[in-house]
């Protein structure tokens, strides 16, 4: 009998405050992104809320923490250092896993910056020739990290896995049957649900085909800054696809207040159980349990 394993999942902190910006930094897409932050977006992200979530996570003492992207805003070099410090506050690299979001690859060349600063938080247990997907085995759980992050035109927030990454995911999932481990896929852009065309995962259909063929128990994502749950076909039933709100959204935010989920995995190979608990920031700035529910893992 496998012991219980607890995973905390948060996403999209969009770490405030925005660092000092030189005029020379405002090139291409960064111009519109900076104006958006100054005029609208900045009000939706609070450092105090992040502090409250981090403190609550520490109190809950999960076995591992997953962050599904968008740590930064404009992919400025100082932001990636902010991201590193944020990850270090959550825990050491062997207990925290991150995958990138579209803001982490806001401009060409940003991938090299997050790969350098966050390397030991997004590296698999075994060195590989390509960074994604990567695999981390933690107790009964297999964490599979994907990247949908790529630079796009202004006003686009799309993501793409690409044929090569999907092929490697197919092979990896084929080597990890349900009878061996509880497979959790970490991905920034949700592969299910409806969203504007400019915010979609371009190859979501191909991703769902891989999961339908190979199976998984859980898919965790962010991107939309909302709490949502969808399902996609797997090999043993439907696979839950679960989103969390922005980890820095204040109480009363139009997308939903900041929250994170705890997943408690138990059971045995081939007969896993999973329960989720949502913990959300309140009007008084205190993080509390909002509810619990079982998950039927496919």
C-alpha atoms as a PDB file:
ATOM      1  CA  UNK A   1       0.000   0.000   0.000  1.00  0.00           C
ATOM      2  CA  UNK A   2       1.436   3.333  -1.033  1.00  0.00           C
ATOM      3  CA  UNK A   3       1.493   6.076   1.622  1.00  0.00           C
ATOM      4  CA  UNK A   4      -0.396   9.309   1.042  1.00  0.00           C
ATOM      5  CA  UNK A   5       1.392  11.907  -1.066  1.00  0.00           C
ATOM      6  CA  UNK A   6       0.301  15.557  -1.003  1.00  0.00           C
ATOM      7  CA  UNK A   7       0.961  17.932  -3.909  1.00  0.00           C
ATOM      8  CA  UNK A   8       0.265  21.670  -3.807  1.00  0.00           C
ATOM      9  CA  UNK A   9      -0.501  23.380  -7.130  1.00  0.00           C
ATOM     10  CA  UNK A  10      -0.428  27.118  -7.810  1.00  0.00           C
ATOM     11  CA  UNK A  11      -0.057  29.146 -10.976  1.00  0.00           C
ATOM     12  CA  UNK A  12       0.289  32.567 -12.611  1.00  0.00           C
ATOM     13  CA  UNK A  13       1.719  34.667  -9.773  1.00  0.00           C
ATOM     14  CA  UNK A  14       2.811  37.382 -12.267  1.00  0.00           C
ATOM     15  CA  UNK A  15       5.204  38.519  -9.577  1.00  0.00           C
ATOM     16  CA  UNK A  16       4.807  42.150  -8.532  1.00  0.00           C
ATOM     17  CA  UNK A  17       6.193  44.737  -8.333  1.00  0.00           C
ATOM     18  CA  UNK A  18       7.365  45.434 -11.849  1.00  0.00           C
ATOM     19  CA  UNK A  19      11.131  46.111 -11.769  1.00  0.00           C
ATOM     20  CA  UNK A  20      12.592  49.395 -12.949  1.00  0.00           C
ATOM     21  CA  UNK A  21      12.435  49.479 -16.741  1.00  0.00           C
ATOM     22  CA  UNK A  22      14.831  51.249 -19.050  1.00  0.00           C
ATOM     23  CA  UNK A  23      13.432  52.818 -22.188  1.00  0.00           C
ATOM     24  CA  UNK A  24      15.713  50.498 -24.199  1.00  0.00           C
ATOM     25  CA  UNK A  25      13.909  47.479 -22.686  1.00  0.00           C
ATOM     26  CA  UNK A  26      10.552  48.523 -24.135  1.00  0.00           C
ATOM     27  CA  UNK A  27      10.895  46.895 -27.521  1.00  0.00           C
ATOM     28  CA  UNK A  28       8.349  44.934 -29.539  1.00  0.00           C
ATOM     29  CA  UNK A  29       5.670  43.236 -27.470  1.00  0.00           C
ATOM     30  CA  UNK A  30       7.018  44.634 -24.207  1.00  0.00           C
ATOM     31  CA  UNK A  31       5.601  48.084 -25.062  1.00  0.00           C
ATOM     32  CA  UNK A  32       1.994  46.883 -25.092  1.00  0.00           C
ATOM     33  CA  UNK A  33       2.628  44.589 -22.117  1.00  0.00           C
ATOM     34  CA  UNK A  34       4.063  47.423 -20.026  1.00  0.00           C
ATOM     35  CA  UNK A  35       1.143  49.731 -20.882  1.00  0.00           C
ATOM     36  CA  UNK A  36      -1.290  46.955 -20.027  1.00  0.00           C
ATOM     37  CA  UNK A  37       0.402  46.480 -16.646  1.00  0.00           C
ATOM     38  CA  UNK A  38       0.361  50.214 -15.865  1.00  0.00           C
ATOM     39  CA  UNK A  39      -3.232  50.803 -16.962  1.00  0.00           C
ATOM     40  CA  UNK A  40      -4.978  47.587 -15.951  1.00  0.00           C
ATOM     41  CA  UNK A  41      -3.104  44.412 -15.142  1.00  0.00           C
ATOM     42  CA  UNK A  42      -1.007  45.621 -12.213  1.00  0.00           C
ATOM     43  CA  UNK A  43      -4.096  46.078 -10.036  1.00  0.00           C
ATOM     44  CA  UNK A  44      -4.858  42.357 -10.301  1.00  0.00           C
ATOM     45  CA  UNK A  45      -1.618  41.159  -8.653  1.00  0.00           C
ATOM     46  CA  UNK A  46      -0.654  41.652  -5.010  1.00  0.00           C
ATOM     47  CA  UNK A  47       2.631  40.802  -3.291  1.00  0.00           C
ATOM     48  CA  UNK A  48       0.781  40.559   0.039  1.00  0.00           C
ATOM     49  CA  UNK A  49      -1.498  37.866  -1.387  1.00  0.00           C
ATOM     50  CA  UNK A  50       1.513  35.863  -2.586  1.00  0.00           C
ATOM     51  CA  UNK A  51       3.035  36.139   0.894  1.00  0.00           C
ATOM     52  CA  UNK A  52      -0.187  34.805   2.435  1.00  0.00           C
ATOM     53  CA  UNK A  53      -0.348  31.833   0.050  1.00  0.00           C
ATOM     54  CA  UNK A  54       3.307  30.930   0.611  1.00  0.00           C
ATOM     55  CA  UNK A  55       2.810  31.068   4.389  1.00  0.00           C
ATOM     56  CA  UNK A  56      -0.278  28.862   4.186  1.00  0.00           C
ATOM     57  CA  UNK A  57       1.465  26.326   1.958  1.00  0.00           C
ATOM     58  CA  UNK A  58       4.280  26.102   4.494  1.00  0.00           C
ATOM     59  CA  UNK A  59       1.709  25.422   7.214  1.00  0.00           C
ATOM     60  CA  UNK A  60       0.093  22.632   5.175  1.00  0.00           C
ATOM     61  CA  UNK A  61       3.499  20.960   4.603  1.00  0.00           C
ATOM     62  CA  UNK A  62       2.852  19.289   1.222  1.00  0.00           C
ATOM     63  CA  UNK A  63       5.328  16.715  -0.030  1.00  0.00           C
ATOM     64  CA  UNK A  64       5.831  18.670  -3.251  1.00  0.00           C
ATOM     65  CA  UNK A  65       4.773  21.943  -4.900  1.00  0.00           C
ATOM     66  CA  UNK A  66       3.999  22.491  -8.596  1.00  0.00           C
ATOM     67  CA  UNK A  67       3.901  25.920 -10.272  1.00  0.00           C
ATOM     68  CA  UNK A  68       2.418  26.020 -13.782  1.00  0.00           C
ATOM     69  CA  UNK A  69       3.973  29.136 -15.222  1.00  0.00           C
ATOM     70  CA  UNK A  70       3.709  32.888 -15.722  1.00  0.00           C
ATOM     71  CA  UNK A  71       6.005  33.830 -12.870  1.00  0.00           C
ATOM     72  CA  UNK A  72       7.037  36.990 -14.752  1.00  0.00           C
ATOM     73  CA  UNK A  73       5.311  39.625 -16.855  1.00  0.00           C
ATOM     74  CA  UNK A  74       7.542  41.042 -19.608  1.00  0.00           C
ATOM     75  CA  UNK A  75      10.462  38.571 -19.552  1.00  0.00           C
ATOM     76  CA  UNK A  76      12.890  41.182 -18.240  1.00  0.00           C
ATOM     77  CA  UNK A  77      16.136  39.837 -16.807  1.00  0.00           C
ATOM     78  CA  UNK A  78      15.410  41.114 -13.246  1.00  0.00           C
ATOM     79  CA  UNK A  79      12.028  39.368 -13.345  1.00  0.00           C
ATOM     80  CA  UNK A  80      13.667  35.980 -13.777  1.00  0.00           C
ATOM     81  CA  UNK A  81      15.725  36.696 -10.672  1.00  0.00           C
ATOM     82  CA  UNK A  82      12.463  37.566  -8.877  1.00  0.00           C
ATOM     83  CA  UNK A  83      11.122  34.238 -10.111  1.00  0.00           C
ATOM     84  CA  UNK A  84      14.117  32.389  -8.703  1.00  0.00           C
ATOM     85  CA  UNK A  85      13.643  34.001  -5.289  1.00  0.00           C
ATOM     86  CA  UNK A  86       9.934  33.116  -5.374  1.00  0.00           C
ATOM     87  CA  UNK A  87      10.737  29.469  -6.085  1.00  0.00           C
ATOM     88  CA  UNK A  88      13.333  29.419  -3.307  1.00  0.00           C
ATOM     89  CA  UNK A  89      10.727  30.757  -0.871  1.00  0.00           C
ATOM     90  CA  UNK A  90       8.488  27.833  -1.786  1.00  0.00           C
ATOM     91  CA  UNK A  91      11.234  25.284  -1.195  1.00  0.00           C
ATOM     92  CA  UNK A  92      14.366  23.601  -2.544  1.00  0.00           C
ATOM     93  CA  UNK A  93      14.481  22.321  -6.142  1.00  0.00           C
ATOM     94  CA  UNK A  94      13.877  18.702  -5.156  1.00  0.00           C
ATOM     95  CA  UNK A  95      10.536  19.703  -3.593  1.00  0.00           C
ATOM     96  CA  UNK A  96       9.344  22.325  -6.086  1.00  0.00           C
ATOM     97  CA  UNK A  97       8.687  21.910  -9.822  1.00  0.00           C
ATOM     98  CA  UNK A  98       7.963  24.692 -12.301  1.00  0.00           C
ATOM     99  CA  UNK A  99       6.950  24.773 -15.963  1.00  0.00           C
ATOM    100  CA  UNK A 100       6.972  27.986 -18.034  1.00  0.00           C
ATOM    101  CA  UNK A 101       4.014  30.026 -19.241  1.00  0.00           C
ATOM    102  CA  UNK A 102       3.608  32.392 -22.158  1.00  0.00           C
ATOM    103  CA  UNK A 103       4.747  35.432 -20.130  1.00  0.00           C
ATOM    104  CA  UNK A 104       7.936  33.563 -19.245  1.00  0.00           C
ATOM    105  CA  UNK A 105       8.685  33.471 -22.983  1.00  0.00           C
ATOM    106  CA  UNK A 106       7.300  36.916 -23.778  1.00  0.00           C
ATOM    107  CA  UNK A 107      10.013  37.762 -26.309  1.00  0.00           C
ATOM    108  CA  UNK A 108      12.565  35.823 -28.341  1.00  0.00           C
ATOM    109  CA  UNK A 109      15.490  34.753 -26.167  1.00  0.00           C
ATOM    110  CA  UNK A 110      13.502  34.576 -22.926  1.00  0.00           C
ATOM    111  CA  UNK A 111      13.642  30.767 -22.863  1.00  0.00           C
ATOM    112  CA  UNK A 112      17.383  30.917 -22.315  1.00  0.00           C
ATOM    113  CA  UNK A 113      16.856  33.262 -19.356  1.00  0.00           C
ATOM    114  CA  UNK A 114      14.321  31.125 -17.497  1.00  0.00           C
ATOM    115  CA  UNK A 115      16.265  27.972 -18.321  1.00  0.00           C
ATOM    116  CA  UNK A 116      19.367  29.468 -16.728  1.00  0.00           C
ATOM    117  CA  UNK A 117      17.782  30.946 -13.584  1.00  0.00           C
ATOM    118  CA  UNK A 118      15.251  28.175 -12.882  1.00  0.00           C
ATOM    119  CA  UNK A 119      17.175  25.218 -14.279  1.00  0.00           C
ATOM    120  CA  UNK A 120      17.176  23.007 -11.182  1.00  0.00           C
ATOM    121  CA  UNK A 121      13.426  23.586 -10.696  1.00  0.00           C
ATOM    122  CA  UNK A 122      12.515  22.404 -14.209  1.00  0.00           C
ATOM    123  CA  UNK A 123      14.995  19.595 -14.762  1.00  0.00           C
ATOM    124  CA  UNK A 124      14.038  15.931 -14.696  1.00  0.00           C
ATOM    125  CA  UNK A 125      15.598  13.258 -12.527  1.00  0.00           C
ATOM    126  CA  UNK A 126      17.759  12.127 -15.423  1.00  0.00           C
ATOM    127  CA  UNK A 127      19.626  14.457 -17.785  1.00  0.00           C
ATOM    128  CA  UNK A 128      18.046  14.622 -21.227  1.00  0.00           C
ATOM    129  CA  UNK A 129      19.044  16.046 -24.556  1.00  0.00           C
ATOM    130  CA  UNK A 130      15.910  18.185 -24.670  1.00  0.00           C
ATOM    131  CA  UNK A 131      14.394  20.044 -21.707  1.00  0.00           C
ATOM    132  CA  UNK A 132      10.742  19.072 -22.255  1.00  0.00           C
ATOM    133  CA  UNK A 133       9.031  16.932 -21.364  1.00  0.00           C
ATOM    134  CA  UNK A 134      10.877  16.155 -18.161  1.00  0.00           C
ATOM    135  CA  UNK A 135      10.059  13.519 -15.563  1.00  0.00           C
ATOM    136  CA  UNK A 136      10.314  13.697 -11.786  1.00  0.00           C
ATOM    137  CA  UNK A 137       9.389  10.693  -9.647  1.00  0.00           C
ATOM    138  CA  UNK A 138       8.264  11.610  -6.138  1.00  0.00           C
ATOM    139  CA  UNK A 139       6.861   8.792  -4.038  1.00  0.00           C
ATOM    140  CA  UNK A 140       3.926   7.234  -5.929  1.00  0.00           C
ATOM    141  CA  UNK A 141       3.672  10.255  -8.243  1.00  0.00           C
ATOM    142  CA  UNK A 142       5.241  10.871 -11.654  1.00  0.00           C
ATOM    143  CA  UNK A 143       5.384  14.596 -12.437  1.00  0.00           C
ATOM    144  CA  UNK A 144       5.650  15.270 -16.176  1.00  0.00           C
ATOM    145  CA  UNK A 145       6.597  18.837 -17.079  1.00  0.00           C
ATOM    146  CA  UNK A 146       5.699  20.303 -20.473  1.00  0.00           C
ATOM    147  CA  UNK A 147       6.364  23.662 -22.101  1.00  0.00           C
ATOM    148  CA  UNK A 148       3.751  25.506 -24.148  1.00  0.00           C
ATOM    149  CA  UNK A 149       5.738  28.747 -23.908  1.00  0.00           C
ATOM    150  CA  UNK A 150       6.809  30.524 -27.064  1.00  0.00           C
ATOM    151  CA  UNK A 151       7.160  34.163 -28.128  1.00  0.00           C
ATOM    152  CA  UNK A 152       4.107  35.514 -29.940  1.00  0.00           C
ATOM    153  CA  UNK A 153       2.932  38.723 -31.583  1.00  0.00           C
ATOM    154  CA  UNK A 154       1.445  41.571 -29.517  1.00  0.00           C
ATOM    155  CA  UNK A 155      -1.999  40.739 -28.081  1.00  0.00           C
ATOM    156  CA  UNK A 156      -1.424  36.997 -28.620  1.00  0.00           C
ATOM    157  CA  UNK A 157      -1.171  34.643 -25.620  1.00  0.00           C
ATOM    158  CA  UNK A 158      -1.218  31.357 -27.487  1.00  0.00           C
ATOM    159  CA  UNK A 159       0.846  28.291 -26.685  1.00  0.00           C
ATOM    160  CA  UNK A 160       2.147  25.301 -28.572  1.00  0.00           C
ATOM    161  CA  UNK A 161       3.772  22.001 -27.626  1.00  0.00           C
ATOM    162  CA  UNK A 162       5.064  21.084 -31.063  1.00  0.00           C
ATOM    163  CA  UNK A 163       5.306  17.696 -32.772  1.00  0.00           C
ATOM    164  CA  UNK A 164       8.671  16.741 -31.237  1.00  0.00           C
ATOM    165  CA  UNK A 165       7.563  17.376 -27.653  1.00  0.00           C
ATOM    166  CA  UNK A 166       4.277  15.546 -28.241  1.00  0.00           C
ATOM    167  CA  UNK A 167       6.141  12.555 -29.629  1.00  0.00           C
ATOM    168  CA  UNK A 168       8.431  12.444 -26.583  1.00  0.00           C
ATOM    169  CA  UNK A 169       5.378  12.765 -24.308  1.00  0.00           C
ATOM    170  CA  UNK A 170       3.774   9.809 -26.096  1.00  0.00           C
ATOM    171  CA  UNK A 171       6.854   7.684 -25.459  1.00  0.00           C
ATOM    172  CA  UNK A 172       7.196   8.830 -21.851  1.00  0.00           C
ATOM    173  CA  UNK A 173       3.578   8.097 -20.952  1.00  0.00           C
ATOM    174  CA  UNK A 174       3.873   4.736 -22.680  1.00  0.00           C
ATOM    175  CA  UNK A 175       6.757   3.887 -20.352  1.00  0.00           C
ATOM    176  CA  UNK A 176       4.733   4.930 -17.282  1.00  0.00           C
ATOM    177  CA  UNK A 177       1.581   2.816 -17.096  1.00  0.00           C
ATOM    178  CA  UNK A 178      -1.060   3.455 -14.453  1.00  0.00           C
ATOM    179  CA  UNK A 179       0.025   0.263 -12.747  1.00  0.00           C
ATOM    180  CA  UNK A 180       3.371   1.864 -11.837  1.00  0.00           C
ATOM    181  CA  UNK A 181       2.594   5.418 -10.727  1.00  0.00           C
ATOM    182  CA  UNK A 182       0.076   8.246 -10.487  1.00  0.00           C
ATOM    183  CA  UNK A 183       0.848  10.392 -13.545  1.00  0.00           C
ATOM    184  CA  UNK A 184       0.379  14.149 -13.213  1.00  0.00           C
ATOM    185  CA  UNK A 185       0.999  16.343 -16.268  1.00  0.00           C
ATOM    186  CA  UNK A 186       2.013  19.962 -15.613  1.00  0.00           C
ATOM    187  CA  UNK A 187       1.212  22.346 -18.467  1.00  0.00           C
ATOM    188  CA  UNK A 188       0.515  26.088 -18.578  1.00  0.00           C
ATOM    189  CA  UNK A 189      -2.137  26.373 -21.317  1.00  0.00           C
ATOM    190  CA  UNK A 190      -5.259  24.292 -20.603  1.00  0.00           C
ATOM    191  CA  UNK A 191      -5.815  21.532 -23.184  1.00  0.00           C
ATOM    192  CA  UNK A 192      -9.589  21.615 -22.628  1.00  0.00           C
ATOM    193  CA  UNK A 193     -12.356  24.184 -22.245  1.00  0.00           C
ATOM    194  CA  UNK A 194     -13.171  27.241 -24.337  1.00  0.00           C
ATOM    195  CA  UNK A 195     -11.168  30.480 -24.489  1.00  0.00           C
ATOM    196  CA  UNK A 196     -10.495  33.221 -27.048  1.00  0.00           C
ATOM    197  CA  UNK A 197      -8.606  32.149 -30.151  1.00  0.00           C
ATOM    198  CA  UNK A 198      -5.701  34.426 -29.187  1.00  0.00           C
ATOM    199  CA  UNK A 199      -5.289  32.564 -25.858  1.00  0.00           C
ATOM    200  CA  UNK A 200      -5.614  28.971 -27.026  1.00  0.00           C
ATOM    201  CA  UNK A 201      -3.264  25.988 -26.980  1.00  0.00           C
ATOM    202  CA  UNK A 202      -2.781  25.583 -30.716  1.00  0.00           C
ATOM    203  CA  UNK A 203      -2.203  21.820 -30.636  1.00  0.00           C
ATOM    204  CA  UNK A 204      -4.614  20.903 -27.845  1.00  0.00           C
ATOM    205  CA  UNK A 205      -6.248  18.269 -30.067  1.00  0.00           C
ATOM    206  CA  UNK A 206      -2.920  16.489 -30.560  1.00  0.00           C
ATOM    207  CA  UNK A 207      -2.240  16.586 -26.803  1.00  0.00           C
ATOM    208  CA  UNK A 208      -5.642  15.047 -26.057  1.00  0.00           C
ATOM    209  CA  UNK A 209      -4.956  12.304 -28.591  1.00  0.00           C
ATOM    210  CA  UNK A 210      -1.757  11.357 -26.757  1.00  0.00           C
ATOM    211  CA  UNK A 211      -3.530  11.221 -23.400  1.00  0.00           C
ATOM    212  CA  UNK A 212      -6.403   9.202 -24.865  1.00  0.00           C
ATOM    213  CA  UNK A 213      -3.881   6.693 -26.248  1.00  0.00           C
ATOM    214  CA  UNK A 214      -1.463   6.522 -23.305  1.00  0.00           C
ATOM    215  CA  UNK A 215      -3.428   7.716 -20.283  1.00  0.00           C
ATOM    216  CA  UNK A 216      -2.740   9.998 -17.327  1.00  0.00           C
ATOM    217  CA  UNK A 217      -4.359  10.499 -13.951  1.00  0.00           C
ATOM    218  CA  UNK A 218      -4.397  14.282 -13.691  1.00  0.00           C
ATOM    219  CA  UNK A 219      -3.566  17.392 -15.760  1.00  0.00           C
ATOM    220  CA  UNK A 220      -2.788  20.631 -13.876  1.00  0.00           C
ATOM    221  CA  UNK A 221      -2.674  24.039 -15.577  1.00  0.00           C
ATOM    222  CA  UNK A 222      -3.320  27.766 -15.225  1.00  0.00           C
ATOM    223  CA  UNK A 223      -3.270  30.580 -17.830  1.00  0.00           C
ATOM    224  CA  UNK A 224      -6.875  31.805 -17.589  1.00  0.00           C
ATOM    225  CA  UNK A 225      -6.597  33.019 -13.948  1.00  0.00           C
ATOM    226  CA  UNK A 226      -9.754  31.114 -13.024  1.00  0.00           C
ATOM    227  CA  UNK A 227     -10.707  28.038 -11.080  1.00  0.00           C
ATOM    228  CA  UNK A 228     -12.042  25.482 -13.551  1.00  0.00           C
ATOM    229  CA  UNK A 229     -12.310  21.765 -14.102  1.00  0.00           C
ATOM    230  CA  UNK A 230     -12.691  19.889 -17.379  1.00  0.00           C
ATOM    231  CA  UNK A 231     -12.204  16.285 -18.434  1.00  0.00           C
ATOM    232  CA  UNK A 232     -10.523  14.631 -21.396  1.00  0.00           C
ATOM    233  CA  UNK A 233     -10.557  10.930 -22.388  1.00  0.00           C
ATOM    234  CA  UNK A 234      -7.854   8.638 -20.982  1.00  0.00           C
ATOM    235  CA  UNK A 235      -7.216   4.923 -21.108  1.00  0.00           C
ATOM    236  CA  UNK A 236      -9.169   4.161 -17.910  1.00  0.00           C
ATOM    237  CA  UNK A 237     -11.912   6.773 -18.106  1.00  0.00           C
ATOM    238  CA  UNK A 238     -11.919  10.548 -18.065  1.00  0.00           C
ATOM    239  CA  UNK A 239      -8.841  12.505 -16.965  1.00  0.00           C
ATOM    240  CA  UNK A 240      -9.464  15.647 -14.860  1.00  0.00           C
ATOM    241  CA  UNK A 241      -7.954  18.890 -16.184  1.00  0.00           C
ATOM    242  CA  UNK A 242      -7.840  21.385 -13.318  1.00  0.00           C
ATOM    243  CA  UNK A 243      -7.005  25.095 -13.390  1.00  0.00           C
ATOM    244  CA  UNK A 244      -6.300  27.439 -10.488  1.00  0.00           C
ATOM    245  CA  UNK A 245      -6.629  31.251 -10.332  1.00  0.00           C
ATOM    246  CA  UNK A 246      -3.676  33.621 -10.305  1.00  0.00           C
ATOM    247  CA  UNK A 247      -1.661  33.125  -7.112  1.00  0.00           C
ATOM    248  CA  UNK A 248      -1.505  36.908  -6.598  1.00  0.00           C
ATOM    249  CA  UNK A 249      -5.127  37.903  -7.297  1.00  0.00           C
ATOM    250  CA  UNK A 250      -6.663  39.872  -4.400  1.00  0.00           C
ATOM    251  CA  UNK A 251     -10.015  39.048  -2.854  1.00  0.00           C
ATOM    252  CA  UNK A 252     -12.814  40.317  -5.096  1.00  0.00           C
ATOM    253  CA  UNK A 253     -10.790  40.068  -8.312  1.00  0.00           C
ATOM    254  CA  UNK A 254     -13.082  39.667 -11.322  1.00  0.00           C
ATOM    255  CA  UNK A 255     -11.399  36.396 -12.343  1.00  0.00           C
ATOM    256  CA  UNK A 256     -11.486  34.968  -8.828  1.00  0.00           C
ATOM    257  CA  UNK A 257      -9.409  35.416  -5.696  1.00  0.00           C
ATOM    258  CA  UNK A 258      -6.019  33.765  -5.381  1.00  0.00           C
ATOM    259  CA  UNK A 259      -6.160  30.107  -4.476  1.00  0.00           C
ATOM    260  CA  UNK A 260      -4.151  26.929  -4.669  1.00  0.00           C
ATOM    261  CA  UNK A 261      -5.106  23.270  -4.589  1.00  0.00           C
ATOM    262  CA  UNK A 262      -3.839  20.396  -2.503  1.00  0.00           C
ATOM    263  CA  UNK A 263      -4.015  16.924  -4.052  1.00  0.00           C
ATOM    264  CA  UNK A 264      -3.796  13.951  -1.705  1.00  0.00           C
ATOM    265  CA  UNK A 265      -2.860  10.819  -3.630  1.00  0.00           C
ATOM    266  CA  UNK A 266      -3.261   7.428  -1.964  1.00  0.00           C
ATOM    267  CA  UNK A 267      -4.150   3.843  -2.858  1.00  0.00           C
ATOM    268  CA  UNK A 268      -1.980   1.422  -4.733  1.00  0.00           C
ATOM    269  CA  UNK A 269      -0.750   0.900  -8.308  1.00  0.00           C
ATOM    270  CA  UNK A 270      -3.718   0.457 -10.600  1.00  0.00           C
ATOM    271  CA  UNK A 271      -6.178   1.534  -7.877  1.00  0.00           C
ATOM    272  CA  UNK A 272      -5.263   5.105  -7.047  1.00  0.00           C
ATOM    273  CA  UNK A 273      -7.409   7.555  -5.100  1.00  0.00           C
ATOM    274  CA  UNK A 274      -7.077  11.333  -5.102  1.00  0.00           C
ATOM    275  CA  UNK A 275      -8.812  14.049  -3.104  1.00  0.00           C
ATOM    276  CA  UNK A 276      -8.453  17.771  -3.772  1.00  0.00           C
ATOM    277  CA  UNK A 277      -8.711  20.634  -1.291  1.00  0.00           C
ATOM    278  CA  UNK A 278      -8.934  24.248  -2.450  1.00  0.00           C
ATOM    279  CA  UNK A 279      -7.463  26.938  -0.209  1.00  0.00           C
ATOM    280  CA  UNK A 280      -8.406  30.534  -1.065  1.00  0.00           C
ATOM    281  CA  UNK A 281      -7.560  34.049   0.121  1.00  0.00           C
ATOM    282  CA  UNK A 282     -10.369  35.751   2.028  1.00  0.00           C
ATOM    283  CA  UNK A 283     -11.436  39.363   2.426  1.00  0.00           C
ATOM    284  CA  UNK A 284      -9.331  39.541   5.607  1.00  0.00           C
ATOM    285  CA  UNK A 285      -6.201  38.351   3.803  1.00  0.00           C
ATOM    286  CA  UNK A 286      -6.293  34.925   5.480  1.00  0.00           C
ATOM    287  CA  UNK A 287      -6.090  31.735   3.406  1.00  0.00           C
ATOM    288  CA  UNK A 288      -8.717  29.130   4.298  1.00  0.00           C
ATOM    289  CA  UNK A 289     -10.088  25.845   2.971  1.00  0.00           C
ATOM    290  CA  UNK A 290     -12.931  26.450   0.519  1.00  0.00           C
ATOM    291  CA  UNK A 291     -13.895  22.848  -0.030  1.00  0.00           C
ATOM    292  CA  UNK A 292     -12.789  19.274  -0.669  1.00  0.00           C
ATOM    293  CA  UNK A 293     -13.819  16.775  -3.314  1.00  0.00           C
ATOM    294  CA  UNK A 294     -12.686  13.377  -4.571  1.00  0.00           C
ATOM    295  CA  UNK A 295     -11.203  13.049  -8.038  1.00  0.00           C
ATOM    296  CA  UNK A 296     -11.922  10.116 -10.309  1.00  0.00           C
ATOM    297  CA  UNK A 297      -8.529   9.701 -11.940  1.00  0.00           C
ATOM    298  CA  UNK A 298      -8.581   8.254 -15.475  1.00  0.00           C
END
